[in-house]
């Protein structure tokens, strides 16, 4: 699992939220609650493949998510595939199923906010 990084990401670099059972890695400390919302929105829509062997927990898929100020999802795409068709397909389905979350907090000055979510089998 990823260790928390409490430094603010540069404006062009996305923050990270892990989509595993662990807490998400966060950018600025005051946005931890928002990263948890993002994590939960995508994780609850992810149906982990049941046909993969338990030893397959090494499969990881990373998705880049961009969120508009109103909470609508501007972009959601896989940026690092696991190499397993079932795993990557399940992540693609999950990220396509989330079209809106809560609006960006006022502490985010930009009109969009990006995160990278790491999906890993439990």
N, C-alpha and C. Protein backbone atom coordinates (compact mmCIF):
# COMPACT_ATOMS: atom_id res chain seq x y z
N UNK A 1 0.83 -1.19 0.00
CA UNK A 1 0.00 0.00 0.00
C UNK A 1 0.86 1.24 0.00
N UNK A 2 0.32 2.31 -0.49
CA UNK A 2 1.06 3.55 -0.58
C UNK A 2 1.11 4.24 0.77
N UNK A 3 2.24 4.86 1.10
CA UNK A 3 2.36 5.64 2.32
C UNK A 3 1.82 7.03 2.05
N UNK A 4 1.18 7.66 3.03
CA UNK A 4 0.63 9.00 2.81
C UNK A 4 1.72 10.00 2.44
N UNK A 5 1.40 10.86 1.51
CA UNK A 5 2.28 11.94 1.10
C UNK A 5 1.54 13.22 1.37
N UNK A 6 1.92 13.92 2.41
CA UNK A 6 1.18 15.10 2.83
C UNK A 6 1.69 16.38 2.20
N UNK A 7 2.42 16.28 1.12
CA UNK A 7 2.86 17.49 0.44
C UNK A 7 1.88 17.80 -0.68
N UNK A 8 1.69 19.06 -0.95
CA UNK A 8 0.78 19.46 -2.02
C UNK A 8 1.42 19.12 -3.35
N UNK A 9 0.66 18.47 -4.25
CA UNK A 9 1.23 18.17 -5.56
C UNK A 9 1.35 19.45 -6.38
N UNK A 10 2.34 19.52 -7.28
CA UNK A 10 2.40 20.69 -8.17
C UNK A 10 1.09 20.78 -8.94
N UNK A 11 0.73 21.95 -9.39
CA UNK A 11 -0.57 22.16 -10.02
C UNK A 11 -0.79 21.24 -11.22
N UNK A 12 0.27 20.84 -11.91
CA UNK A 12 0.10 19.97 -13.06
C UNK A 12 0.14 18.49 -12.69
N UNK A 13 0.54 18.16 -11.48
CA UNK A 13 0.64 16.77 -11.07
C UNK A 13 -0.60 16.36 -10.31
N UNK A 14 -1.19 15.21 -10.67
CA UNK A 14 -2.38 14.78 -9.95
C UNK A 14 -2.03 14.26 -8.56
N UNK A 15 -2.97 14.41 -7.65
CA UNK A 15 -2.84 13.80 -6.34
C UNK A 15 -3.13 12.32 -6.51
N UNK A 16 -2.95 11.54 -5.46
CA UNK A 16 -3.15 10.10 -5.56
C UNK A 16 -4.17 9.64 -4.52
N UNK A 17 -5.09 8.80 -4.95
CA UNK A 17 -6.00 8.15 -4.02
C UNK A 17 -5.96 6.66 -4.32
N UNK A 18 -5.66 5.86 -3.35
CA UNK A 18 -5.57 4.42 -3.55
C UNK A 18 -6.95 3.80 -3.48
N UNK A 19 -7.26 2.92 -4.40
CA UNK A 19 -8.56 2.28 -4.41
C UNK A 19 -8.45 0.86 -3.86
N UNK A 20 -7.76 0.71 -2.78
CA UNK A 20 -7.69 -0.57 -2.09
C UNK A 20 -8.39 -0.38 -0.76
N UNK A 21 -8.31 -1.34 0.10
CA UNK A 21 -8.94 -1.22 1.40
C UNK A 21 -8.25 -0.22 2.30
N UNK A 22 -7.07 0.26 1.92
CA UNK A 22 -6.33 1.20 2.76
C UNK A 22 -6.79 2.62 2.52
N UNK A 23 -6.32 3.52 3.36
CA UNK A 23 -6.65 4.93 3.20
C UNK A 23 -5.97 5.47 1.95
N UNK A 24 -6.59 6.46 1.31
CA UNK A 24 -5.97 7.02 0.12
C UNK A 24 -4.75 7.86 0.49
N UNK A 25 -3.82 7.92 -0.44
CA UNK A 25 -2.70 8.83 -0.29
C UNK A 25 -3.23 10.22 -0.61
N UNK A 26 -2.85 11.18 0.15
CA UNK A 26 -3.46 12.50 -0.01
C UNK A 26 -2.44 13.54 -0.42
N UNK A 27 -2.95 14.64 -0.99
CA UNK A 27 -2.15 15.81 -1.30
C UNK A 27 -2.11 16.67 -0.06
N UNK A 28 -2.57 17.90 -0.15
CA UNK A 28 -2.57 18.78 1.02
C UNK A 28 -3.39 18.16 2.15
N UNK A 29 -2.93 18.29 3.41
CA UNK A 29 -3.62 17.64 4.54
C UNK A 29 -5.10 18.00 4.65
N UNK A 30 -5.47 19.22 4.29
CA UNK A 30 -6.87 19.61 4.42
C UNK A 30 -7.77 19.00 3.36
N UNK A 31 -7.21 18.27 2.39
CA UNK A 31 -8.02 17.63 1.35
C UNK A 31 -8.18 16.13 1.56
N UNK A 32 -7.69 15.62 2.68
CA UNK A 32 -7.81 14.19 2.94
C UNK A 32 -9.24 13.70 2.88
N UNK A 33 -10.16 14.48 3.42
CA UNK A 33 -11.58 14.10 3.39
C UNK A 33 -12.10 14.02 1.96
N UNK A 34 -11.63 14.92 1.09
CA UNK A 34 -12.10 14.92 -0.30
C UNK A 34 -11.51 13.74 -1.07
N UNK A 35 -10.27 13.44 -0.79
CA UNK A 35 -9.65 12.27 -1.42
C UNK A 35 -10.37 10.99 -1.00
N UNK A 36 -10.83 10.94 0.24
CA UNK A 36 -11.59 9.78 0.71
C UNK A 36 -12.90 9.65 -0.05
N UNK A 37 -13.56 10.78 -0.33
CA UNK A 37 -14.80 10.76 -1.11
C UNK A 37 -14.54 10.23 -2.51
N UNK A 38 -13.45 10.70 -3.13
CA UNK A 38 -13.11 10.24 -4.48
C UNK A 38 -12.83 8.73 -4.45
N UNK A 39 -11.98 8.32 -3.52
CA UNK A 39 -11.65 6.90 -3.35
C UNK A 39 -12.92 6.06 -3.22
N UNK A 40 -13.80 6.47 -2.31
CA UNK A 40 -15.00 5.69 -2.03
C UNK A 40 -15.93 5.63 -3.23
N UNK A 41 -16.07 6.73 -3.96
CA UNK A 41 -16.97 6.77 -5.12
C UNK A 41 -16.55 5.75 -6.17
N UNK A 42 -15.26 5.66 -6.42
CA UNK A 42 -14.79 4.73 -7.45
C UNK A 42 -14.66 3.31 -6.92
N UNK A 43 -14.23 3.16 -5.67
CA UNK A 43 -14.04 1.84 -5.11
C UNK A 43 -15.38 1.10 -4.96
N UNK A 44 -16.43 1.80 -4.56
CA UNK A 44 -17.73 1.12 -4.37
C UNK A 44 -18.33 0.65 -5.69
N UNK A 45 -17.88 1.23 -6.81
CA UNK A 45 -18.37 0.82 -8.12
C UNK A 45 -17.46 -0.20 -8.81
N UNK A 46 -16.39 -0.57 -8.14
CA UNK A 46 -15.46 -1.54 -8.71
C UNK A 46 -15.83 -2.95 -8.28
N UNK A 47 -16.14 -3.77 -9.24
CA UNK A 47 -16.43 -5.18 -8.99
C UNK A 47 -15.17 -5.96 -9.30
N UNK A 48 -14.46 -6.35 -8.25
CA UNK A 48 -13.20 -7.06 -8.44
C UNK A 48 -13.46 -8.41 -9.09
N UNK A 49 -12.65 -8.76 -10.08
CA UNK A 49 -12.83 -10.05 -10.74
C UNK A 49 -12.69 -11.20 -9.74
N UNK A 50 -13.66 -12.06 -9.70
CA UNK A 50 -13.64 -13.19 -8.77
C UNK A 50 -12.92 -14.40 -9.35
N UNK A 51 -12.73 -14.41 -10.65
CA UNK A 51 -12.11 -15.59 -11.27
C UNK A 51 -10.59 -15.56 -11.26
N UNK A 52 -10.00 -14.46 -10.80
CA UNK A 52 -8.54 -14.41 -10.72
C UNK A 52 -8.09 -15.12 -9.45
N UNK A 53 -7.00 -15.86 -9.52
CA UNK A 53 -6.49 -16.55 -8.33
C UNK A 53 -6.13 -15.55 -7.24
N UNK A 54 -6.25 -15.99 -6.00
CA UNK A 54 -5.92 -15.14 -4.85
C UNK A 54 -4.50 -14.60 -4.95
N UNK A 55 -3.62 -15.37 -5.49
CA UNK A 55 -2.23 -14.93 -5.63
C UNK A 55 -2.07 -13.80 -6.64
N UNK A 56 -3.16 -13.44 -7.32
CA UNK A 56 -3.09 -12.40 -8.34
C UNK A 56 -3.20 -10.99 -7.75
N UNK A 57 -3.10 -10.86 -6.42
CA UNK A 57 -3.25 -9.54 -5.84
C UNK A 57 -2.13 -8.60 -6.25
N UNK A 58 -1.16 -9.11 -7.00
CA UNK A 58 -0.10 -8.24 -7.50
C UNK A 58 -0.59 -7.40 -8.68
N UNK A 59 -1.74 -7.75 -9.26
CA UNK A 59 -2.28 -6.96 -10.36
C UNK A 59 -2.67 -5.58 -9.86
N UNK A 60 -2.20 -4.55 -10.54
CA UNK A 60 -2.56 -3.18 -10.21
C UNK A 60 -2.90 -2.44 -11.49
N UNK A 61 -3.93 -1.63 -11.43
CA UNK A 61 -4.32 -0.79 -12.54
C UNK A 61 -4.46 0.62 -12.01
N UNK A 62 -3.87 1.58 -12.71
CA UNK A 62 -3.96 2.98 -12.28
C UNK A 62 -4.84 3.75 -13.24
N UNK A 63 -5.72 4.57 -12.65
CA UNK A 63 -6.62 5.39 -13.45
C UNK A 63 -6.43 6.86 -13.10
N UNK A 64 -6.46 7.70 -14.10
CA UNK A 64 -6.37 9.15 -13.93
C UNK A 64 -7.80 9.69 -13.99
N UNK A 65 -8.18 10.45 -12.98
CA UNK A 65 -9.52 11.01 -12.89
C UNK A 65 -9.40 12.53 -12.81
N UNK A 66 -10.13 13.26 -13.66
CA UNK A 66 -10.20 14.72 -13.58
C UNK A 66 -11.64 15.09 -13.22
N UNK A 67 -11.76 15.97 -12.23
CA UNK A 67 -13.06 16.35 -11.70
C UNK A 67 -13.27 17.84 -11.94
N UNK A 68 -14.43 18.19 -12.51
CA UNK A 68 -14.78 19.59 -12.70
C UNK A 68 -15.25 20.21 -11.39
N UNK A 69 -15.25 21.52 -11.33
CA UNK A 69 -15.65 22.26 -10.12
C UNK A 69 -17.01 21.79 -9.60
N UNK A 70 -17.96 21.48 -10.50
CA UNK A 70 -19.32 21.08 -10.08
C UNK A 70 -19.40 19.61 -9.66
N UNK A 71 -18.27 18.90 -9.69
CA UNK A 71 -18.24 17.50 -9.30
C UNK A 71 -18.41 16.52 -10.44
N UNK A 72 -18.70 17.02 -11.63
CA UNK A 72 -18.83 16.12 -12.77
C UNK A 72 -17.43 15.62 -13.15
N UNK A 73 -17.39 14.42 -13.68
CA UNK A 73 -16.11 13.81 -14.06
C UNK A 73 -15.77 14.28 -15.48
N UNK A 74 -14.67 15.01 -15.60
CA UNK A 74 -14.23 15.54 -16.89
C UNK A 74 -13.51 14.49 -17.71
N UNK A 75 -12.76 13.62 -17.03
CA UNK A 75 -11.97 12.61 -17.72
C UNK A 75 -11.70 11.47 -16.75
N UNK A 76 -11.82 10.26 -17.22
CA UNK A 76 -11.50 9.07 -16.42
C UNK A 76 -10.91 8.04 -17.39
N UNK A 77 -9.64 7.72 -17.17
CA UNK A 77 -8.99 6.79 -18.09
C UNK A 77 -7.89 6.00 -17.37
N UNK A 78 -7.67 4.81 -17.88
CA UNK A 78 -6.58 3.98 -17.35
C UNK A 78 -5.27 4.53 -17.89
N UNK A 79 -4.33 4.74 -16.99
CA UNK A 79 -3.02 5.24 -17.41
C UNK A 79 -1.94 4.19 -17.24
N UNK A 80 -2.23 3.15 -16.46
CA UNK A 80 -1.28 2.02 -16.32
C UNK A 80 -2.10 0.75 -16.15
N UNK A 81 -2.09 -0.07 -17.18
CA UNK A 81 -2.84 -1.32 -17.15
C UNK A 81 -2.08 -2.38 -16.36
N UNK A 82 -2.84 -3.33 -15.83
CA UNK A 82 -2.22 -4.42 -15.05
C UNK A 82 -1.64 -5.49 -15.96
N UNK A 83 -2.14 -5.54 -17.18
CA UNK A 83 -1.73 -6.60 -18.09
C UNK A 83 -2.69 -7.77 -18.08
N UNK A 84 -3.69 -7.71 -17.19
CA UNK A 84 -4.71 -8.75 -17.12
C UNK A 84 -6.02 -8.17 -17.63
N UNK A 85 -6.59 -8.81 -18.66
CA UNK A 85 -7.79 -8.30 -19.32
C UNK A 85 -8.98 -8.19 -18.37
N UNK A 86 -9.17 -9.17 -17.49
CA UNK A 86 -10.29 -9.12 -16.54
C UNK A 86 -10.12 -7.98 -15.54
N UNK A 87 -8.94 -7.84 -15.02
CA UNK A 87 -8.65 -6.79 -14.05
C UNK A 87 -8.86 -5.42 -14.68
N UNK A 88 -8.23 -5.19 -15.81
CA UNK A 88 -8.32 -3.88 -16.46
C UNK A 88 -9.75 -3.58 -16.91
N UNK A 89 -10.46 -4.59 -17.38
CA UNK A 89 -11.85 -4.39 -17.78
C UNK A 89 -12.74 -4.01 -16.61
N UNK A 90 -12.48 -4.62 -15.46
CA UNK A 90 -13.29 -4.29 -14.28
C UNK A 90 -13.04 -2.86 -13.82
N UNK A 91 -11.80 -2.40 -13.93
CA UNK A 91 -11.47 -1.02 -13.56
C UNK A 91 -12.10 -0.06 -14.57
N UNK A 92 -12.01 -0.38 -15.84
CA UNK A 92 -12.62 0.48 -16.88
C UNK A 92 -14.11 0.64 -16.64
N UNK A 93 -14.78 -0.45 -16.31
CA UNK A 93 -16.22 -0.39 -16.02
C UNK A 93 -16.48 0.50 -14.81
N UNK A 94 -15.67 0.37 -13.78
CA UNK A 94 -15.85 1.17 -12.56
C UNK A 94 -15.67 2.66 -12.85
N UNK A 95 -14.62 3.02 -13.57
CA UNK A 95 -14.36 4.44 -13.78
C UNK A 95 -15.39 5.06 -14.73
N UNK A 96 -15.94 4.26 -15.62
CA UNK A 96 -16.99 4.77 -16.51
C UNK A 96 -18.32 4.93 -15.79
N UNK A 97 -18.51 4.20 -14.70
CA UNK A 97 -19.80 4.23 -14.00
C UNK A 97 -19.96 5.45 -13.09
N UNK A 98 -18.87 6.11 -12.75
CA UNK A 98 -18.94 7.29 -11.89
C UNK A 98 -18.94 8.52 -12.79
N UNK A 99 -20.03 9.27 -12.79
CA UNK A 99 -20.13 10.45 -13.64
C UNK A 99 -20.12 11.75 -12.85
N UNK A 100 -20.34 11.66 -11.53
CA UNK A 100 -20.38 12.85 -10.69
C UNK A 100 -20.10 12.47 -9.25
N UNK A 101 -19.35 13.34 -8.56
CA UNK A 101 -19.17 13.23 -7.12
C UNK A 101 -19.49 14.60 -6.53
N UNK A 102 -19.22 14.79 -5.26
CA UNK A 102 -19.49 16.10 -4.66
C UNK A 102 -18.60 17.15 -5.33
N UNK A 103 -19.06 18.39 -5.41
CA UNK A 103 -18.26 19.46 -6.05
C UNK A 103 -16.92 19.65 -5.37
N UNK A 104 -15.99 20.25 -6.10
CA UNK A 104 -14.67 20.55 -5.55
C UNK A 104 -14.81 21.48 -4.35
N UNK A 105 -14.02 21.25 -3.32
CA UNK A 105 -14.04 22.17 -2.18
C UNK A 105 -13.47 23.53 -2.58
N UNK A 106 -13.87 24.56 -1.88
CA UNK A 106 -13.41 25.92 -2.17
C UNK A 106 -11.91 26.08 -2.00
N UNK A 107 -11.27 25.18 -1.26
CA UNK A 107 -9.82 25.28 -1.05
C UNK A 107 -9.03 24.89 -2.29
N UNK A 108 -9.70 24.32 -3.29
CA UNK A 108 -9.05 24.01 -4.57
C UNK A 108 -9.33 25.19 -5.51
N UNK A 109 -8.30 25.94 -5.87
CA UNK A 109 -8.52 27.15 -6.65
C UNK A 109 -8.82 26.91 -8.13
N UNK A 110 -8.42 25.76 -8.66
CA UNK A 110 -8.59 25.48 -10.08
C UNK A 110 -10.01 25.02 -10.40
N UNK A 111 -10.35 25.08 -11.69
CA UNK A 111 -11.68 24.63 -12.13
C UNK A 111 -11.76 23.13 -12.28
N UNK A 112 -10.61 22.46 -12.33
CA UNK A 112 -10.57 20.99 -12.36
C UNK A 112 -9.51 20.51 -11.38
N UNK A 113 -9.69 19.28 -10.95
CA UNK A 113 -8.76 18.67 -10.01
C UNK A 113 -8.54 17.24 -10.47
N UNK A 114 -7.30 16.79 -10.47
CA UNK A 114 -6.97 15.45 -10.96
C UNK A 114 -6.35 14.60 -9.87
N UNK A 115 -6.69 13.32 -9.91
CA UNK A 115 -6.11 12.34 -9.01
C UNK A 115 -5.77 11.09 -9.81
N UNK A 116 -4.88 10.29 -9.25
CA UNK A 116 -4.59 8.97 -9.80
C UNK A 116 -5.05 7.97 -8.75
N UNK A 117 -5.89 7.04 -9.16
CA UNK A 117 -6.38 6.01 -8.26
C UNK A 117 -5.71 4.69 -8.62
N UNK A 118 -5.18 4.03 -7.62
CA UNK A 118 -4.53 2.74 -7.78
C UNK A 118 -5.52 1.65 -7.38
N UNK A 119 -5.91 0.81 -8.34
CA UNK A 119 -6.79 -0.32 -8.06
C UNK A 119 -5.94 -1.57 -7.92
N UNK A 120 -6.07 -2.26 -6.80
CA UNK A 120 -5.32 -3.48 -6.55
C UNK A 120 -6.27 -4.48 -5.91
N UNK A 121 -6.20 -5.73 -6.35
CA UNK A 121 -7.07 -6.76 -5.79
C UNK A 121 -6.85 -6.91 -4.30
N UNK A 122 -7.94 -7.12 -3.55
CA UNK A 122 -7.85 -7.36 -2.11
C UNK A 122 -7.34 -8.76 -1.85
